[in-house]
Every structure is written in C-alpha cells, then in structure tokens.
Amino acid sequence: MYRVVLVDDEPLIVEGLKKVVPWKDYTCEVVGTAEDAESGAKLIRTIRPDILFTDIRMPGADGLTMLAGLRSEFPEMMVTVLTGYRDFSYAQEAIRLGVTRFLLKPSKMGEIREALEAMTARLGREIGEETAESEKKENAGSFLVNRAIAYLDEHYAEKLTLQEVAEACYVSQWHLSKLLNRYAHKNFYDLLNTKRIHAAKELLADPRLRIGDIGEMVGYADPAHFARVFRKIAGMSANEYRNSL
C-alpha cells in the first residue's frame, strides 16, 4: 500500500478527502494528517509517505519554500497541491519544483483520481524520467539555498542557529547543511560570519560608532569573538580596517 499524508489548514477538506476519495482503489492508505505547514513537515519527516496532498497557502507558511524543502529532502515522494490560490506563475514555480499536479479548490473528484493515477504510476516504475526528476531535485535544492541566504540577510544580527534557518525552510538541519555545502560551497557558520563581517565593515565607515558596539550590532555578544572572526575573514583587525578607509 502507498502511504498518503494530507496537509491542509481546513479540517473539513482533510476529513472530506479521507472519507470520499476511494484510496484503496489506487492501493493507497491515508496514514497521517496535519493542519499547518510546520506540523506537516514534521509528520512527513517521521512517516516518510509515498504521496502528499497539500495546500501551500496556509497561515504563517511560505508555500513554495515548504514545497521546495519537501521535494529536496524527499525526492521520491509524489506531491499534489490543492489550493485556492489562482496565480499562474505560482503554479509554474510549483511544477518546476517537482509537483505532480496543481489543482485548484474546489477540486473535482475526477481531477483527484487523475492525480492519484499519475502519482501511483510514477511510483510503480522502477526506472523512468530520471533526468527530469533529477533536474527538479536540483531546482528545489537551489531554491532552498536562496531562501536560506535570504533568511540570513534578514536575521544575521540575531542569535541565529542552523536549526532555526532549517525550520524556516521546512527541512532538517542535516539536509540544509548538505545543501549549503553543495550550492553555496560554505557551511552555515561561514555564511553567517561572512554576512556579519560584511555588515560590520559598512558600519566601521561611521567613526561615531565604537568597535565593540558594532560587533554587538551585527550579532556578536562577545567582543573578543567578534575580534577573532573579523581578523580571520578580513585579514586585519577591525581597527586596522577602519584606519584603512
């Protein structure tokens, strides 16, 4: 039996899908449901289903990032999106990231059946469309890394961890670490420190700001740690850098 997970913030839709869709006709079984993106991602990581039906416009969720995270971490999982969001470019991006079907709510039973047929057919193949699937996995991976770097750009001055960024990208920290090394050619802390020191260099151009305060402003609570990291990345001390401007 193919294992199916349903994720939607509308409980009536989840219950309706569970009861109305003839899952057994497609050798499928609903093994879990979730009502938001975060709990959905955790459930998928635990159950590792074969098929996912999900909305990608849920409160507090970045739908495309969630989708990219799931496709990147679980490339064999088939995904059908059920959404009320009628935006063609959004649908195009979802398909580029590896969605099997993109269905608008309210979806007709014929559309859901056709999606199930397509997904189970793909799962049933031993070999097929490998190049296309590999390309979609690559798309999802690079999309996620761009999202992670954008998150760093926004939050570098905060006390930031790999776990926090991974959660924002709907993947495990192990998987995000692997993606950063593959696509950005740096680990998380190298990226974070590079971003912080770049920001510090810009602030050092203002002579009114004390160097210790600048370190704190870009995310270093310990002045000695800031000094060590600055020298390692810039090749000189923060004071030497300021004097060179």
Protein backbone atom coordinates (compact mmCIF):
# COMPACT_ATOMS: atom_id res chain seq x y z
CA MET A 1 0.00 0.00 0.00
CA TYR A 2 1.20 3.51 -0.83
CA ARG A 3 1.19 5.73 2.27
CA VAL A 4 -0.60 9.08 1.93
CA VAL A 5 -0.38 12.23 4.07
CA LEU A 6 -2.91 15.11 3.83
CA VAL A 7 -1.95 18.65 4.91
CA ASP A 8 -4.50 21.49 4.89
CA ASP A 9 -5.50 24.18 7.38
CA GLU A 10 -9.17 23.48 6.63
CA PRO A 11 -10.19 20.39 8.67
CA LEU A 12 -13.33 19.88 6.56
CA ILE A 13 -11.19 19.41 3.45
CA VAL A 14 -8.92 16.91 5.19
CA GLU A 15 -11.88 14.91 6.51
CA GLY A 16 -13.62 15.10 3.14
CA LEU A 17 -10.58 13.76 1.32
CA LYS A 18 -10.14 10.94 3.84
CA LYS A 19 -13.75 9.79 3.52
CA VAL A 20 -14.71 10.49 -0.09
CA VAL A 21 -11.61 9.50 -2.09
CA PRO A 22 -11.55 5.73 -2.83
CA TRP A 23 -7.96 5.32 -1.67
CA LYS A 24 -7.94 1.52 -1.79
CA ASP A 25 -8.80 1.60 -5.48
CA TYR A 26 -5.33 3.08 -6.00
CA THR A 27 -3.56 0.84 -3.46
CA CYS A 28 -3.31 3.82 -1.11
CA GLU A 29 -3.92 4.42 2.57
CA VAL A 30 -4.09 7.73 4.46
CA VAL A 31 -1.58 7.35 7.29
CA GLY A 32 -1.49 10.88 8.67
CA THR A 33 -2.94 14.38 8.52
CA ALA A 34 -1.79 17.84 9.61
CA GLU A 35 -3.38 21.29 9.73
CA ASP A 36 -0.33 23.53 9.22
CA ALA A 37 2.96 23.55 7.35
CA GLU A 38 5.24 23.11 10.37
CA SER A 39 3.46 20.09 11.83
CA GLY A 40 3.02 18.73 8.30
CA ALA A 41 6.77 18.84 7.67
CA LYS A 42 7.47 17.09 10.99
CA LEU A 43 4.87 14.42 10.21
CA ILE A 44 6.35 13.80 6.77
CA ARG A 45 9.83 13.52 8.25
CA THR A 46 8.52 10.90 10.68
CA ILE A 47 6.25 8.87 8.37
CA ARG A 48 8.10 9.38 5.07
CA PRO A 49 4.95 8.91 2.94
CA ASP A 50 4.86 7.97 -0.72
CA ILE A 51 2.20 10.56 -1.61
CA LEU A 52 1.34 14.00 -0.28
CA PHE A 53 -1.75 16.10 -0.91
CA THR A 54 -1.15 19.59 0.47
CA ASP A 55 -2.28 23.18 0.40
CA ILE A 56 0.60 25.65 0.09
CA ARG A 57 -1.27 28.81 1.12
CA MET A 58 -1.66 28.26 4.85
CA PRO A 59 -1.35 30.89 7.63
CA GLY A 60 2.26 31.58 8.54
CA ALA A 61 3.58 29.35 5.76
CA ASP A 62 5.87 30.18 2.86
CA GLY A 63 4.26 27.71 0.49
CA LEU A 64 6.92 27.49 -2.19
CA THR A 65 9.71 27.17 0.37
CA MET A 66 7.78 24.42 2.15
CA LEU A 67 7.30 22.68 -1.18
CA ALA A 68 10.97 23.02 -2.15
CA GLY A 69 12.01 21.69 1.25
CA LEU A 70 9.82 18.60 0.99
CA ARG A 71 10.83 17.86 -2.60
CA SER A 72 14.51 18.32 -1.84
CA GLU A 73 14.54 16.20 1.31
CA PHE A 74 12.14 13.54 -0.03
CA PRO A 75 12.67 13.48 -3.82
CA GLU A 76 10.79 10.19 -4.34
CA MET A 77 7.63 11.49 -2.64
CA MET A 78 4.84 12.38 -5.08
CA VAL A 79 3.10 15.71 -4.38
CA THR A 80 -0.24 17.11 -5.48
CA VAL A 81 -1.10 20.66 -4.47
CA LEU A 82 -4.69 21.59 -3.63
CA THR A 83 -5.08 25.34 -3.35
CA GLY A 84 -7.47 28.22 -3.78
CA TYR A 85 -4.63 30.48 -4.90
CA ARG A 86 -5.14 31.25 -8.57
CA ASP A 87 -1.79 32.52 -9.75
CA PHE A 88 -0.28 31.04 -12.90
CA SER A 89 3.33 31.99 -12.11
CA TYR A 90 2.98 30.41 -8.66
CA ALA A 91 1.70 27.21 -10.25
CA GLN A 92 4.58 27.26 -12.76
CA GLU A 93 7.13 27.54 -9.95
CA ALA A 94 5.46 24.72 -8.01
CA ILE A 95 5.63 22.46 -11.05
CA ARG A 96 9.27 23.42 -11.67
CA LEU A 97 9.98 22.30 -8.11
CA GLY A 98 8.53 18.87 -8.80
CA VAL A 99 4.79 18.88 -8.07
CA THR A 100 2.93 16.15 -9.98
CA ARG A 101 -0.39 18.03 -10.14
CA PHE A 102 -1.51 21.56 -9.18
CA LEU A 103 -5.27 21.52 -8.52
CA LEU A 104 -7.46 24.50 -7.72
CA LYS A 105 -10.07 24.26 -4.96
CA PRO A 106 -12.77 23.12 -5.04
CA SER A 107 -11.19 20.18 -6.84
CA LYS A 108 -13.38 17.74 -8.74
CA MET A 109 -13.23 14.04 -7.93
CA GLY A 110 -12.10 13.32 -11.50
CA GLU A 111 -9.08 15.60 -11.02
CA ILE A 112 -8.12 13.94 -7.74
CA ARG A 113 -8.49 10.48 -9.28
CA GLU A 114 -6.32 11.50 -12.25
CA ALA A 115 -3.68 12.90 -9.86
CA LEU A 116 -3.68 9.63 -7.92
CA GLU A 117 -3.34 7.63 -11.14
CA ALA A 118 -0.38 9.77 -12.22
CA MET A 119 1.38 9.56 -8.86
CA THR A 120 0.91 5.83 -8.33
CA ALA A 121 2.00 5.18 -11.92
CA ARG A 122 5.25 7.05 -11.28
CA LEU A 123 5.80 5.25 -8.00
CA GLY A 124 5.24 1.94 -9.77
CA ARG A 125 8.01 2.50 -12.29
CA GLU A 126 11.39 1.04 -11.46
CA ILE A 127 13.19 3.44 -13.80
CA GLY A 128 11.78 6.40 -15.67
CA GLU A 129 12.09 10.13 -16.20
CA GLU A 130 15.27 10.08 -14.09
CA THR A 131 16.76 13.11 -15.77
CA ALA A 132 13.60 15.19 -15.29
CA GLU A 133 13.28 14.15 -11.63
CA SER A 134 16.96 14.90 -11.02
CA GLU A 135 16.52 18.36 -12.54
CA LYS A 136 13.52 19.06 -10.29
CA LYS A 137 15.54 17.97 -7.27
CA GLU A 138 18.31 20.37 -8.30
CA ASN A 139 15.74 23.16 -8.74
CA ALA A 140 14.35 22.52 -5.27
CA GLY A 141 17.83 22.46 -3.73
CA SER A 142 19.00 25.75 -5.25
CA PHE A 143 15.63 27.38 -4.44
CA LEU A 144 16.05 26.39 -0.77
CA VAL A 145 19.61 27.69 -0.54
CA ASN A 146 18.49 31.04 -1.95
CA ARG A 147 15.70 31.14 0.65
CA ALA A 148 18.16 30.25 3.44
CA ILE A 149 20.57 33.00 2.38
CA ALA A 150 17.69 35.49 2.20
CA TYR A 151 16.77 34.47 5.76
CA LEU A 152 20.37 35.11 6.84
CA ASP A 153 20.25 38.54 5.18
CA GLU A 154 17.22 39.40 7.32
CA HIS A 155 18.25 37.87 10.63
CA TYR A 156 22.09 37.82 10.73
CA ALA A 157 22.20 40.30 13.63
CA GLU A 158 20.10 37.98 15.83
CA LYS A 159 21.20 34.94 17.82
CA LEU A 160 20.82 32.57 14.88
CA THR A 161 21.20 28.80 14.63
CA LEU A 162 21.21 26.33 11.78
CA GLN A 163 18.13 24.70 13.32
CA GLU A 164 16.16 27.96 13.14
CA VAL A 165 17.02 28.52 9.48
CA ALA A 166 16.25 24.89 8.65
CA GLU A 167 12.83 25.20 10.27
CA ALA A 168 12.15 28.32 8.20
CA CYS A 169 12.99 26.22 5.11
CA TYR A 170 10.91 23.19 6.25
CA VAL A 171 13.87 20.80 6.18
CA SER A 172 16.08 19.08 8.74
CA GLN A 173 19.23 20.92 9.75
CA TRP A 174 21.29 18.00 8.42
CA HIS A 175 19.69 18.36 4.99
CA LEU A 176 20.08 22.16 4.90
CA SER A 177 23.73 21.82 5.91
CA LYS A 178 24.28 19.43 3.00
CA LEU A 179 22.54 21.82 0.57
CA LEU A 180 24.56 24.85 1.72
CA ASN A 181 27.82 22.98 1.21
CA ARG A 182 26.71 21.79 -2.22
CA TYR A 183 25.28 25.00 -3.67
CA ALA A 184 26.93 27.81 -1.66
CA HIS A 185 30.23 25.94 -1.09
CA LYS A 186 30.27 27.10 2.55
CA ASN A 187 28.91 25.79 5.81
CA PHE A 188 26.23 27.64 7.77
CA TYR A 189 28.54 29.42 10.20
CA ASP A 190 30.94 30.51 7.45
CA LEU A 191 27.99 32.08 5.61
CA LEU A 192 26.67 33.71 8.78
CA ASN A 193 30.06 35.10 9.81
CA THR A 194 30.77 36.39 6.30
CA LYS A 195 27.43 38.21 6.29
CA ARG A 196 28.05 39.69 9.73
CA ILE A 197 31.58 40.87 8.96
CA HIS A 198 30.41 42.42 5.68
CA ALA A 199 27.81 44.39 7.67
CA ALA A 200 30.43 45.33 10.26
CA LYS A 201 32.72 46.74 7.54
CA GLU A 202 29.94 49.04 6.38
CA LEU A 203 29.33 50.24 9.95
CA LEU A 204 33.05 50.86 10.53
CA ALA A 205 32.85 53.67 7.98
CA ASP A 206 30.97 55.69 10.62
CA PRO A 207 33.62 56.98 13.09
CA ARG A 208 30.92 57.78 15.67
CA LEU A 209 30.33 54.06 16.29
CA ARG A 210 32.54 52.19 18.78
CA ILE A 211 34.01 48.94 17.51
CA GLY A 212 32.62 46.98 20.45
CA ASP A 213 29.14 48.33 19.73
CA ILE A 214 29.45 47.41 16.06
CA GLY A 215 30.25 43.83 16.98
CA GLU A 216 27.10 43.67 19.08
CA MET A 217 25.04 45.30 16.32
CA VAL A 218 25.96 42.58 13.83
CA GLY A 219 25.31 39.68 16.21
CA TYR A 220 28.41 39.15 18.37
CA ALA A 221 27.71 39.42 22.10
CA ASP A 222 31.38 38.71 22.91
CA PRO A 223 33.81 41.45 21.71
CA ALA A 224 36.75 39.00 21.74
CA HIS A 225 34.85 36.59 19.49
CA PHE A 226 33.99 39.44 17.13
CA ALA A 227 37.66 40.47 17.00
CA ARG A 228 38.80 36.91 16.19
CA VAL A 229 36.21 36.40 13.46
CA PHE A 230 36.84 39.82 11.93
CA ARG A 231 40.59 39.21 11.69
CA LYS A 232 40.07 35.73 10.25
CA ILE A 233 37.74 36.97 7.48
CA ALA A 234 39.13 40.45 6.78
CA GLY A 235 42.82 39.61 7.31
CA MET A 236 43.23 42.52 9.71
CA SER A 237 41.71 43.85 12.92
CA ALA A 238 38.55 45.95 12.88
CA ASN A 239 40.60 48.98 13.99
CA GLU A 240 43.14 48.44 11.19
CA TYR A 241 40.28 48.15 8.72
CA ARG A 242 38.75 51.41 9.96
CA ASN A 243 42.09 53.19 9.65
CA SER A 244 42.45 51.94 6.08
CA LEU A 245 39.22 53.62 4.95
